[in-house]
Amino acid sequence: MKKKILMRGLFGLPTGIAIGFVITLIISICIGNGSFYPVTPELIDAAGNELNAVILQTVLCAIMGAGFAAASIIWELDSWSLAKQSGIYFMIISVIMLPIAYFTNWMKHTALGVLSYVAIFVAIFVVVWLSQYLLWKRKIKQMNTLVNKDQ
């Protein structure tokens, strides 16, 4: 299992960087002046210059991707209930994502900014979880139909 976690984490490194890039696109669109911001202006100020900020954000995004991918092993623990898998996976990715989002300034550093980001994060998690649940439910139904046809 340790090897599987490590391999998934390594696969998650570039995936996290790609997700971070998409997040910067979304932030650039939200700023709305037609420019691309590879990092937030606040992160540039905190890091001292744009290059340091991009390097820091890239490393943090890689860590985020590796953490999310490694944590996905939880979905293979058949002895756990779906509720337990979901809750523990959500806690793990929250502990990874929220500090990274805070340090990279993807959220405003106010109570309202943090609460808004958490709400968006929870909403995205719920939508992805529900879509995966319904997809697997449909696949299982199709498999059961095929099994019943053969009998």
Protein backbone atom coordinates (compact mmCIF):
# COMPACT_ATOMS: atom_id res chain seq x y z
CA MET A 1 0.00 0.00 0.00
CA LYS A 2 2.88 2.40 0.76
CA LYS A 3 4.22 1.93 -2.78
CA LYS A 4 0.77 2.66 -4.21
CA ILE A 5 0.47 5.84 -2.12
CA LEU A 6 3.94 6.96 -3.25
CA MET A 7 3.21 6.26 -6.92
CA ARG A 8 -0.07 8.13 -6.78
CA GLY A 9 1.63 11.03 -5.03
CA LEU A 10 4.26 11.21 -7.75
CA PHE A 11 1.55 11.17 -10.43
CA GLY A 12 -0.23 13.93 -8.51
CA LEU A 13 2.74 16.33 -8.62
CA PRO A 14 2.22 17.48 -12.25
CA THR A 15 -1.56 17.23 -11.85
CA GLY A 16 -1.40 19.68 -8.95
CA ILE A 17 0.70 22.07 -10.99
CA ALA A 18 -1.86 21.89 -13.81
CA ILE A 19 -4.72 22.54 -11.38
CA GLY A 20 -2.80 25.50 -9.96
CA PHE A 21 -2.47 26.91 -13.46
CA VAL A 22 -6.23 26.61 -13.99
CA ILE A 23 -6.79 28.39 -10.68
CA THR A 24 -4.55 31.27 -11.85
CA LEU A 25 -6.61 31.47 -15.04
CA ILE A 26 -9.79 31.72 -12.98
CA ILE A 27 -8.25 34.38 -10.73
CA SER A 28 -7.09 36.33 -13.81
CA ILE A 29 -10.60 36.19 -15.25
CA CYS A 30 -12.08 37.35 -11.92
CA ILE A 31 -9.69 40.30 -11.74
CA GLY A 32 -11.15 41.17 -15.11
CA ASN A 33 -8.69 43.58 -16.68
CA GLY A 34 -7.62 41.28 -19.53
CA SER A 35 -4.19 40.47 -18.08
CA PHE A 36 -2.92 37.05 -17.00
CA TYR A 37 -1.70 36.84 -13.43
CA PRO A 38 0.48 33.75 -12.91
CA VAL A 39 0.29 34.53 -9.20
CA THR A 40 -1.69 37.01 -7.17
CA PRO A 41 -0.18 40.45 -6.66
CA GLU A 42 -0.28 39.80 -2.89
CA LEU A 43 1.91 36.70 -3.29
CA ILE A 44 4.42 38.69 -5.34
CA ASP A 45 4.63 41.21 -2.50
CA ALA A 46 5.05 38.46 0.09
CA ALA A 47 7.66 36.53 -1.96
CA GLY A 48 9.68 39.60 -2.92
CA ASN A 49 9.35 39.24 -6.69
CA GLU A 50 7.26 37.52 -9.34
CA LEU A 51 9.72 34.69 -10.01
CA ASN A 52 9.94 33.70 -6.34
CA ALA A 53 6.15 33.84 -6.12
CA VAL A 54 5.71 31.59 -9.18
CA ILE A 55 8.26 29.09 -7.83
CA LEU A 56 6.57 29.03 -4.41
CA GLN A 57 3.12 28.60 -5.92
CA THR A 58 4.35 25.85 -8.26
CA VAL A 59 5.89 23.91 -5.37
CA LEU A 60 2.76 24.32 -3.26
CA CYS A 61 0.55 23.20 -6.16
CA ALA A 62 2.74 20.14 -6.67
CA ILE A 63 2.37 19.32 -2.96
CA MET A 64 -1.38 19.81 -3.25
CA GLY A 65 -1.62 17.45 -6.22
CA ALA A 66 0.56 14.83 -4.56
CA GLY A 67 -1.50 15.01 -1.38
CA PHE A 68 -4.84 14.73 -3.15
CA ALA A 69 -3.61 11.82 -5.29
CA ALA A 70 -2.02 9.96 -2.38
CA ALA A 71 -5.15 10.42 -0.27
CA SER A 72 -7.24 8.82 -3.02
CA ILE A 73 -6.11 5.43 -1.69
CA ILE A 74 -8.82 5.92 0.92
CA TRP A 75 -11.45 5.07 -1.71
CA GLU A 76 -10.00 1.56 -1.95
CA LEU A 77 -10.42 0.72 1.74
CA ASP A 78 -13.41 -1.57 1.38
CA SER A 79 -13.60 -2.21 5.10
CA TRP A 80 -14.53 1.47 5.62
CA SER A 81 -18.02 2.80 5.03
CA LEU A 82 -18.58 5.34 2.28
CA ALA A 83 -19.32 7.95 4.94
CA LYS A 84 -16.01 7.26 6.71
CA GLN A 85 -14.06 7.29 3.43
CA SER A 86 -15.72 10.55 2.40
CA GLY A 87 -15.22 12.26 5.75
CA ILE A 88 -11.57 11.30 6.15
CA TYR A 89 -10.75 12.11 2.52
CA PHE A 90 -12.44 15.51 2.90
CA MET A 91 -10.52 16.25 6.10
CA ILE A 92 -7.19 15.30 4.50
CA ILE A 93 -7.70 17.38 1.36
CA SER A 94 -8.99 20.30 3.45
CA VAL A 95 -5.83 20.24 5.57
CA ILE A 96 -3.82 20.29 2.34
CA MET A 97 -5.85 22.72 0.24
CA LEU A 98 -6.94 25.44 2.63
CA PRO A 99 -3.47 26.42 3.94
CA ILE A 100 -2.09 26.38 0.39
CA ALA A 101 -4.96 28.55 -0.81
CA TYR A 102 -4.29 30.92 2.09
CA PHE A 103 -0.52 31.13 1.53
CA THR A 104 -0.88 31.61 -2.23
CA ASN A 105 -3.49 34.31 -1.64
CA TRP A 106 -6.16 32.51 -3.64
CA MET A 107 -8.51 33.73 -0.93
CA LYS A 108 -8.76 37.09 0.72
CA HIS A 109 -7.16 37.18 4.16
CA THR A 110 -10.34 38.18 5.92
CA ALA A 111 -12.91 36.12 7.79
CA LEU A 112 -15.36 36.61 4.91
CA GLY A 113 -12.69 35.68 2.35
CA VAL A 114 -11.80 32.47 4.17
CA LEU A 115 -15.46 31.55 4.71
CA SER A 116 -16.23 32.22 1.04
CA TYR A 117 -13.33 30.05 -0.09
CA VAL A 118 -14.31 27.25 2.28
CA ALA A 119 -17.90 27.42 1.00
CA ILE A 120 -16.73 27.19 -2.62
CA PHE A 121 -14.38 24.33 -1.71
CA VAL A 122 -17.17 22.41 0.04
CA ALA A 123 -19.56 23.04 -2.87
CA ILE A 124 -17.04 21.73 -5.40
CA PHE A 125 -16.35 18.68 -3.22
CA VAL A 126 -20.07 17.91 -2.92
CA VAL A 127 -20.66 18.28 -6.68
CA VAL A 128 -17.71 16.03 -7.53
CA TRP A 129 -18.68 13.50 -4.83
CA LEU A 130 -22.31 13.35 -6.01
CA SER A 131 -21.35 13.02 -9.66
CA GLN A 132 -18.95 10.17 -8.84
CA TYR A 133 -21.53 8.49 -6.62
CA LEU A 134 -24.21 8.64 -9.31
CA LEU A 135 -21.76 7.47 -11.99
CA TRP A 136 -20.72 4.42 -9.95
CA LYS A 137 -24.31 3.69 -9.00
CA ARG A 138 -25.23 3.61 -12.71
CA LYS A 139 -22.23 1.41 -13.57
CA ILE A 140 -23.14 -1.06 -10.82
CA LYS A 141 -26.72 -1.18 -12.06
CA GLN A 142 -25.48 -1.91 -15.60
CA MET A 143 -23.18 -4.66 -14.33
CA ASN A 144 -26.02 -6.21 -12.32
CA THR A 145 -28.23 -6.14 -15.41
CA LEU A 146 -25.55 -7.96 -17.39
CA VAL A 147 -25.09 -10.54 -14.65
CA ASN A 148 -28.84 -11.15 -14.46
CA LYS A 149 -29.06 -11.58 -18.26
CA ASP A 150 -26.49 -14.35 -18.16
CA GLN A 151 -28.43 -16.35 -15.58
